[in-house]
Amino acid sequence: MQAPIRREMVWSKALRLCHWSLALSTLVLLFTGWLVTWAPERSAQVDDVHYVAAAVLLAALLVRLWLLFLGSGVAGYRVLLPNRHRLRQGWEVLRSYLTLGKLPLPRWYAHNPLWAPLYLLLFAVLLLQVVSGLALLEQVTLVGGMSLRNLHHWGYLFLLAFTLGHLAAVFFHDAKTTTAEISAMVNGHRYLTLEPVSFREGPNSKVVPLDALAQQLKAKGNSDSSR
């Protein structure tokens, strides 16, 4: 007998808008940043695109940070913080990755327990990228002896690795589970498998056959109607 599945609204419109704005602007920034580094002769052609994508990312990041600290539910930062239960589930997710899905994935409601703490790191890196990018635009290249160009480049490498890993994980989950991870970020709904509730017999419990219970209820109904 298969466990029941419920379609649940998990991701709000604001979260989905922030997610896709951050995702698409990050992809554009990674591509244009790569062109500026490895094809400098094209930098003049892609600078405007890079700046527009950076403006979109900044706007989406500010909204996401507002939801992170002032929002509630799955938008707040508390659901991203690790605890004992989430750490255990994160280890189970990692084991499933390492075995290519041979070990089962745990169940969770909203955020992937392995990736959730990394989202906080992601937001911090994106904020540093925005600040260092604006400083470089104003020709500020050093702060306290730290090269902002190097900082911006390290942030680029982190975002590139995070993006590739995130895309691989999303397709992995969509292929190995029934929660519809990709479409969930489009329509906001995830398919949650409900665990069956088990009942334990107590010392004074009595097992009544279903047919006998139905007959008792029917007899009680006839008795009530005859009064």
C-alpha atoms as a PDB file:
ATOM      1  CA  MET A   1       0.000   0.000   0.000  1.00  0.00           C
ATOM      2  CA  GLN A   2       1.524   3.313  -1.073  1.00  0.00           C
ATOM      3  CA  ALA A   3       1.808   6.221   1.349  1.00  0.00           C
ATOM      4  CA  PRO A   4      -0.567   9.116   0.600  1.00  0.00           C
ATOM      5  CA  ILE A   5       0.834  12.187  -1.137  1.00  0.00           C
ATOM      6  CA  ARG A   6      -0.373  15.730  -0.522  1.00  0.00           C
ATOM      7  CA  ARG A   7       0.226  18.757  -2.756  1.00  0.00           C
ATOM      8  CA  GLU A   8       1.236  21.615  -0.486  1.00  0.00           C
ATOM      9  CA  MET A   9       1.946  25.309  -1.169  1.00  0.00           C
ATOM     10  CA  VAL A  10       5.460  25.851   0.195  1.00  0.00           C
ATOM     11  CA  TRP A  11       7.127  28.675  -1.759  1.00  0.00           C
ATOM     12  CA  SER A  12       5.366  32.040  -1.799  1.00  0.00           C
ATOM     13  CA  LYS A  13       5.285  34.320  -4.844  1.00  0.00           C
ATOM     14  CA  ALA A  14       7.786  36.676  -3.226  1.00  0.00           C
ATOM     15  CA  LEU A  15      10.255  33.846  -2.589  1.00  0.00           C
ATOM     16  CA  ARG A  16       9.871  32.462  -6.088  1.00  0.00           C
ATOM     17  CA  LEU A  17      10.356  35.915  -7.634  1.00  0.00           C
ATOM     18  CA  CYS A  18      13.503  36.447  -5.556  1.00  0.00           C
ATOM     19  CA  HIS A  19      14.782  32.981  -6.427  1.00  0.00           C
ATOM     20  CA  TRP A  20      14.424  33.354 -10.173  1.00  0.00           C
ATOM     21  CA  SER A  21      15.680  36.956 -10.191  1.00  0.00           C
ATOM     22  CA  LEU A  22      18.778  35.950  -8.237  1.00  0.00           C
ATOM     23  CA  ALA A  23      19.297  32.814 -10.328  1.00  0.00           C
ATOM     24  CA  LEU A  24      18.982  34.447 -13.754  1.00  0.00           C
ATOM     25  CA  SER A  25      20.954  37.569 -12.839  1.00  0.00           C
ATOM     26  CA  THR A  26      23.722  35.409 -11.336  1.00  0.00           C
ATOM     27  CA  LEU A  27      23.956  33.342 -14.522  1.00  0.00           C
ATOM     28  CA  VAL A  28      24.232  36.510 -16.615  1.00  0.00           C
ATOM     29  CA  LEU A  29      26.850  37.958 -14.271  1.00  0.00           C
ATOM     30  CA  LEU A  30      28.895  34.757 -14.336  1.00  0.00           C
ATOM     31  CA  PHE A  31      28.841  34.635 -18.132  1.00  0.00           C
ATOM     32  CA  THR A  32      29.619  38.317 -18.673  1.00  0.00           C
ATOM     33  CA  GLY A  33      32.288  38.213 -15.976  1.00  0.00           C
ATOM     34  CA  TRP A  34      33.906  35.283 -17.761  1.00  0.00           C
ATOM     35  CA  LEU A  35      33.841  37.212 -21.057  1.00  0.00           C
ATOM     36  CA  VAL A  36      35.468  40.255 -19.470  1.00  0.00           C
ATOM     37  CA  THR A  37      38.244  38.075 -17.997  1.00  0.00           C
ATOM     38  CA  TRP A  38      38.951  35.759 -20.909  1.00  0.00           C
ATOM     39  CA  ALA A  39      37.883  37.939 -23.832  1.00  0.00           C
ATOM     40  CA  PRO A  40      38.740  41.519 -22.747  1.00  0.00           C
ATOM     41  CA  GLU A  41      38.214  42.776 -26.289  1.00  0.00           C
ATOM     42  CA  ARG A  42      34.494  42.154 -25.751  1.00  0.00           C
ATOM     43  CA  SER A  43      34.325  43.915 -22.379  1.00  0.00           C
ATOM     44  CA  ALA A  44      32.915  47.117 -23.883  1.00  0.00           C
ATOM     45  CA  GLN A  45      30.057  45.114 -25.421  1.00  0.00           C
ATOM     46  CA  VAL A  46      29.071  43.276 -22.249  1.00  0.00           C
ATOM     47  CA  ASP A  47      29.653  45.942 -19.593  1.00  0.00           C
ATOM     48  CA  ASP A  48      26.128  47.339 -19.879  1.00  0.00           C
ATOM     49  CA  VAL A  49      24.611  43.850 -19.639  1.00  0.00           C
ATOM     50  CA  HIS A  50      26.771  43.135 -16.594  1.00  0.00           C
ATOM     51  CA  TYR A  51      25.633  46.319 -14.856  1.00  0.00           C
ATOM     52  CA  VAL A  52      21.943  45.711 -15.610  1.00  0.00           C
ATOM     53  CA  ALA A  53      22.193  42.161 -14.261  1.00  0.00           C
ATOM     54  CA  ALA A  54      23.967  43.508 -11.170  1.00  0.00           C
ATOM     55  CA  ALA A  55      21.116  45.991 -10.599  1.00  0.00           C
ATOM     56  CA  VAL A  56      18.546  43.182 -10.850  1.00  0.00           C
ATOM     57  CA  LEU A  57      20.565  41.051  -8.443  1.00  0.00           C
ATOM     58  CA  LEU A  58      20.883  43.914  -5.958  1.00  0.00           C
ATOM     59  CA  ALA A  59      17.123  44.575  -5.974  1.00  0.00           C
ATOM     60  CA  ALA A  60      16.276  40.868  -5.563  1.00  0.00           C
ATOM     61  CA  LEU A  61      18.910  40.444  -2.851  1.00  0.00           C
ATOM     62  CA  LEU A  62      17.552  43.359  -0.820  1.00  0.00           C
ATOM     63  CA  VAL A  63      14.031  41.892  -0.970  1.00  0.00           C
ATOM     64  CA  ARG A  64      15.344  38.454  -0.018  1.00  0.00           C
ATOM     65  CA  LEU A  65      17.318  39.847   2.930  1.00  0.00           C
ATOM     66  CA  TRP A  66      14.214  41.723   4.074  1.00  0.00           C
ATOM     67  CA  LEU A  67      12.236  38.468   3.963  1.00  0.00           C
ATOM     68  CA  LEU A  68      15.118  36.658   5.637  1.00  0.00           C
ATOM     69  CA  PHE A  69      15.162  38.861   8.740  1.00  0.00           C
ATOM     70  CA  LEU A  70      11.590  40.179   8.869  1.00  0.00           C
ATOM     71  CA  GLY A  71       9.663  37.416   7.128  1.00  0.00           C
ATOM     72  CA  SER A  72       8.120  34.360   8.722  1.00  0.00           C
ATOM     73  CA  GLY A  73       7.729  30.692   7.873  1.00  0.00           C
ATOM     74  CA  VAL A  74      10.064  29.252   5.260  1.00  0.00           C
ATOM     75  CA  ALA A  75      11.274  32.742   4.286  1.00  0.00           C
ATOM     76  CA  GLY A  76      12.900  33.469   7.650  1.00  0.00           C
ATOM     77  CA  TYR A  77      16.486  32.748   8.615  1.00  0.00           C
ATOM     78  CA  ARG A  78      15.518  30.396  11.474  1.00  0.00           C
ATOM     79  CA  VAL A  79      14.604  27.568   9.103  1.00  0.00           C
ATOM     80  CA  LEU A  80      18.086  27.786   7.565  1.00  0.00           C
ATOM     81  CA  LEU A  81      19.975  27.410  10.830  1.00  0.00           C
ATOM     82  CA  PRO A  82      21.248  23.886  11.553  1.00  0.00           C
ATOM     83  CA  ASN A  83      20.087  21.887  14.549  1.00  0.00           C
ATOM     84  CA  ARG A  84      20.552  18.260  15.550  1.00  0.00           C
ATOM     85  CA  HIS A  85      17.660  17.004  13.430  1.00  0.00           C
ATOM     86  CA  ARG A  86      18.693  19.000  10.344  1.00  0.00           C
ATOM     87  CA  LEU A  87      22.334  17.967  10.707  1.00  0.00           C
ATOM     88  CA  ARG A  88      21.279  14.316  10.780  1.00  0.00           C
ATOM     89  CA  GLN A  89      19.095  14.822   7.717  1.00  0.00           C
ATOM     90  CA  GLY A  90      21.890  16.739   5.968  1.00  0.00           C
ATOM     91  CA  TRP A  91      24.209  13.771   6.497  1.00  0.00           C
ATOM     92  CA  GLU A  92      21.559  11.474   5.007  1.00  0.00           C
ATOM     93  CA  VAL A  93      21.291  13.763   1.960  1.00  0.00           C
ATOM     94  CA  LEU A  94      25.073  13.742   1.535  1.00  0.00           C
ATOM     95  CA  ARG A  95      25.160   9.931   1.770  1.00  0.00           C
ATOM     96  CA  SER A  96      22.492   9.739  -0.916  1.00  0.00           C
ATOM     97  CA  TYR A  97      24.575  12.022  -3.140  1.00  0.00           C
ATOM     98  CA  LEU A  98      27.739   9.970  -2.606  1.00  0.00           C
ATOM     99  CA  THR A  99      25.939   6.718  -3.443  1.00  0.00           C
ATOM    100  CA  LEU A 100      24.197   8.274  -6.471  1.00  0.00           C
ATOM    101  CA  GLY A 101      20.783   7.687  -4.960  1.00  0.00           C
ATOM    102  CA  LYS A 102      21.273   4.116  -3.754  1.00  0.00           C
ATOM    103  CA  LEU A 103      20.650   5.278  -0.208  1.00  0.00           C
ATOM    104  CA  PRO A 104      17.262   6.965   0.204  1.00  0.00           C
ATOM    105  CA  LEU A 105      16.817  10.679   0.780  1.00  0.00           C
ATOM    106  CA  PRO A 106      15.151  11.871   3.982  1.00  0.00           C
ATOM    107  CA  ARG A 107      11.901  13.808   3.937  1.00  0.00           C
ATOM    108  CA  TRP A 108      11.712  17.506   4.648  1.00  0.00           C
ATOM    109  CA  TYR A 109       9.116  20.226   4.228  1.00  0.00           C
ATOM    110  CA  ALA A 110      10.823  23.168   2.525  1.00  0.00           C
ATOM    111  CA  HIS A 111      14.584  23.742   2.436  1.00  0.00           C
ATOM    112  CA  ASN A 112      17.039  20.962   1.719  1.00  0.00           C
ATOM    113  CA  PRO A 113      18.711  20.324   5.119  1.00  0.00           C
ATOM    114  CA  LEU A 114      22.149  19.971   3.523  1.00  0.00           C
ATOM    115  CA  TRP A 115      21.929  23.145   1.445  1.00  0.00           C
ATOM    116  CA  ALA A 116      20.016  25.350   3.894  1.00  0.00           C
ATOM    117  CA  PRO A 117      23.083  26.672   5.809  1.00  0.00           C
ATOM    118  CA  LEU A 118      24.844  27.258   2.481  1.00  0.00           C
ATOM    119  CA  TYR A 119      22.060  29.652   1.468  1.00  0.00           C
ATOM    120  CA  LEU A 120      23.091  31.957   4.325  1.00  0.00           C
ATOM    121  CA  LEU A 121      26.664  31.828   3.038  1.00  0.00           C
ATOM    122  CA  LEU A 122      25.377  32.471  -0.480  1.00  0.00           C
ATOM    123  CA  PHE A 123      23.555  35.629   0.592  1.00  0.00           C
ATOM    124  CA  ALA A 124      26.700  36.884   2.351  1.00  0.00           C
ATOM    125  CA  VAL A 125      28.856  36.252  -0.733  1.00  0.00           C
ATOM    126  CA  LEU A 126      26.314  37.949  -3.009  1.00  0.00           C
ATOM    127  CA  LEU A 127      26.327  40.977  -0.713  1.00  0.00           C
ATOM    128  CA  LEU A 128      30.138  41.085  -0.801  1.00  0.00           C
ATOM    129  CA  GLN A 129      30.040  40.816  -4.584  1.00  0.00           C
ATOM    130  CA  VAL A 130      27.681  43.783  -4.799  1.00  0.00           C
ATOM    131  CA  VAL A 131      29.794  45.909  -2.436  1.00  0.00           C
ATOM    132  CA  SER A 132      33.108  45.018  -4.099  1.00  0.00           C
ATOM    133  CA  GLY A 133      31.595  45.511  -7.559  1.00  0.00           C
ATOM    134  CA  LEU A 134      30.331  48.988  -6.675  1.00  0.00           C
ATOM    135  CA  ALA A 135      33.738  49.858  -5.187  1.00  0.00           C
ATOM    136  CA  LEU A 136      35.542  48.681  -8.322  1.00  0.00           C
ATOM    137  CA  LEU A 137      33.131  50.749 -10.407  1.00  0.00           C
ATOM    138  CA  GLU A 138      34.298  53.791  -8.414  1.00  0.00           C
ATOM    139  CA  GLN A 139      37.928  52.816  -9.062  1.00  0.00           C
ATOM    140  CA  VAL A 140      38.467  51.665  -5.478  1.00  0.00           C
ATOM    141  CA  THR A 141      40.735  48.636  -5.715  1.00  0.00           C
ATOM    142  CA  LEU A 142      42.162  48.279  -2.183  1.00  0.00           C
ATOM    143  CA  VAL A 143      40.528  48.329   1.249  1.00  0.00           C
ATOM    144  CA  GLY A 144      42.817  47.877   4.244  1.00  0.00           C
ATOM    145  CA  GLY A 145      45.452  46.252   2.085  1.00  0.00           C
ATOM    146  CA  MET A 146      42.912  43.777   0.645  1.00  0.00           C
ATOM    147  CA  SER A 147      42.563  43.642  -3.113  1.00  0.00           C
ATOM    148  CA  LEU A 148      38.913  44.073  -4.060  1.00  0.00           C
ATOM    149  CA  ARG A 149      39.636  42.573  -7.463  1.00  0.00           C
ATOM    150  CA  ASN A 150      40.858  39.368  -5.810  1.00  0.00           C
ATOM    151  CA  LEU A 151      37.857  39.401  -3.458  1.00  0.00           C
ATOM    152  CA  HIS A 152      35.492  39.829  -6.403  1.00  0.00           C
ATOM    153  CA  HIS A 153      37.241  36.990  -8.241  1.00  0.00           C
ATOM    154  CA  TRP A 154      37.001  34.637  -5.240  1.00  0.00           C
ATOM    155  CA  GLY A 155      33.334  35.463  -4.964  1.00  0.00           C
ATOM    156  CA  TYR A 156      32.969  34.662  -8.655  1.00  0.00           C
ATOM    157  CA  LEU A 157      34.566  31.235  -8.147  1.00  0.00           C
ATOM    158  CA  PHE A 158      32.309  30.487  -5.178  1.00  0.00           C
ATOM    159  CA  LEU A 159      29.177  31.480  -7.117  1.00  0.00           C
ATOM    160  CA  LEU A 160      30.279  29.367 -10.074  1.00  0.00           C
ATOM    161  CA  ALA A 161      30.835  26.299  -7.895  1.00  0.00           C
ATOM    162  CA  PHE A 162      27.596  26.888  -5.985  1.00  0.00           C
ATOM    163  CA  THR A 163      25.582  27.293  -9.194  1.00  0.00           C
ATOM    164  CA  LEU A 164      26.944  24.110 -10.762  1.00  0.00           C
ATOM    165  CA  GLY A 165      26.416  22.125  -7.559  1.00  0.00           C
ATOM    166  CA  HIS A 166      22.936  23.516  -7.050  1.00  0.00           C
ATOM    167  CA  LEU A 167      21.850  22.683 -10.596  1.00  0.00           C
ATOM    168  CA  ALA A 168      23.191  19.135 -10.272  1.00  0.00           C
ATOM    169  CA  ALA A 169      21.411  18.676  -6.921  1.00  0.00           C
ATOM    170  CA  VAL A 170      18.099  20.022  -8.232  1.00  0.00           C
ATOM    171  CA  PHE A 171      18.057  17.613 -11.173  1.00  0.00           C
ATOM    172  CA  PHE A 172      19.158  14.781  -8.860  1.00  0.00           C
ATOM    173  CA  HIS A 173      16.255  15.429  -6.485  1.00  0.00           C
ATOM    174  CA  ASP A 174      13.761  15.825  -9.294  1.00  0.00           C
ATOM    175  CA  ALA A 175      14.849  12.476 -10.734  1.00  0.00           C
ATOM    176  CA  LYS A 176      15.050  10.547  -7.456  1.00  0.00           C
ATOM    177  CA  THR A 177      12.006  11.886  -5.581  1.00  0.00           C
ATOM    178  CA  THR A 178       8.332  12.609  -6.179  1.00  0.00           C
ATOM    179  CA  THR A 179       8.368  16.106  -4.678  1.00  0.00           C
ATOM    180  CA  ALA A 180       8.611  17.933  -8.053  1.00  0.00           C
ATOM    181  CA  GLU A 181      11.549  20.122  -7.031  1.00  0.00           C
ATOM    182  CA  ILE A 182      11.822  22.019 -10.323  1.00  0.00           C
ATOM    183  CA  SER A 183       8.137  22.739 -10.864  1.00  0.00           C
ATOM    184  CA  ALA A 184       7.822  23.668  -7.173  1.00  0.00           C
ATOM    185  CA  MET A 185       9.877  26.778  -7.865  1.00  0.00           C
ATOM    186  CA  VAL A 186       7.500  27.644 -10.707  1.00  0.00           C
ATOM    187  CA  ASN A 187       4.086  27.096  -9.104  1.00  0.00           C
ATOM    188  CA  GLY A 188       5.120  27.015  -5.441  1.00  0.00           C
ATOM    189  CA  HIS A 189       3.760  23.536  -4.649  1.00  0.00           C
ATOM    190  CA  ARG A 190       5.663  20.486  -3.431  1.00  0.00           C
ATOM    191  CA  TYR A 191       4.317  16.945  -3.239  1.00  0.00           C
ATOM    192  CA  LEU A 192       4.775  15.722   0.325  1.00  0.00           C
ATOM    193  CA  THR A 193       4.583  12.041   1.227  1.00  0.00           C
ATOM    194  CA  LEU A 194       2.602  11.564   4.422  1.00  0.00           C
ATOM    195  CA  GLU A 195       3.977   9.021   6.855  1.00  0.00           C
ATOM    196  CA  PRO A 196       1.378   6.532   8.125  1.00  0.00           C
ATOM    197  CA  VAL A 197       0.469   6.923  11.776  1.00  0.00           C
ATOM    198  CA  SER A 198       1.114   3.819  13.825  1.00  0.00           C
ATOM    199  CA  PHE A 199      -0.921   3.001  16.924  1.00  0.00           C
ATOM    200  CA  ARG A 200       0.439   0.973  19.803  1.00  0.00           C
ATOM    201  CA  GLU A 201      -1.823  -1.252  21.870  1.00  0.00           C
ATOM    202  CA  GLY A 202      -2.023  -0.232  25.495  1.00  0.00           C
ATOM    203  CA  PRO A 203      -2.511  -2.619  28.413  1.00  0.00           C
ATOM    204  CA  ASN A 204      -6.298  -2.010  28.445  1.00  0.00           C
ATOM    205  CA  SER A 205      -6.781  -1.788  24.688  1.00  0.00           C
ATOM    206  CA  LYS A 206      -9.155  -4.128  22.890  1.00  0.00           C
ATOM    207  CA  VAL A 207      -9.056  -5.062  19.235  1.00  0.00           C
ATOM    208  CA  VAL A 208     -12.517  -4.903  17.621  1.00  0.00           C
ATOM    209  CA  PRO A 209     -13.030  -6.331  14.088  1.00  0.00           C
ATOM    210  CA  LEU A 210     -14.178  -3.735  11.590  1.00  0.00           C
ATOM    211  CA  ASP A 211     -17.304  -5.737  10.638  1.00  0.00           C
ATOM    212  CA  ALA A 212     -18.342  -6.032  14.277  1.00  0.00           C
ATOM    213  CA  LEU A 213     -17.818  -2.308  14.801  1.00  0.00           C
ATOM    214  CA  ALA A 214     -19.966  -1.533  11.746  1.00  0.00           C
ATOM    215  CA  GLN A 215     -22.751  -3.783  13.041  1.00  0.00           C
ATOM    216  CA  GLN A 216     -22.631  -2.114  16.453  1.00  0.00           C
ATOM    217  CA  LEU A 217     -22.891   1.342  14.888  1.00  0.00           C
ATOM    218  CA  LYS A 218     -25.789   0.192  12.677  1.00  0.00           C
ATOM    219  CA  ALA A 219     -27.628  -1.326  15.657  1.00  0.00           C
ATOM    220  CA  LYS A 220     -27.091   1.853  17.647  1.00  0.00           C
ATOM    221  CA  GLY A 221     -28.464   3.904  14.777  1.00  0.00           C
ATOM    222  CA  ASN A 222     -31.605   1.741  14.532  1.00  0.00           C
ATOM    223  CA  SER A 223     -32.067   1.969  18.272  1.00  0.00           C
ATOM    224  CA  ASP A 224     -31.785   5.755  18.234  1.00  0.00           C
ATOM    225  CA  SER A 225     -34.249   6.096  15.345  1.00  0.00           C
ATOM    226  CA  SER A 226     -36.870   3.937  17.091  1.00  0.00           C
ATOM    227  CA  ARG A 227     -36.985   6.222  20.138  1.00  0.00           C
END
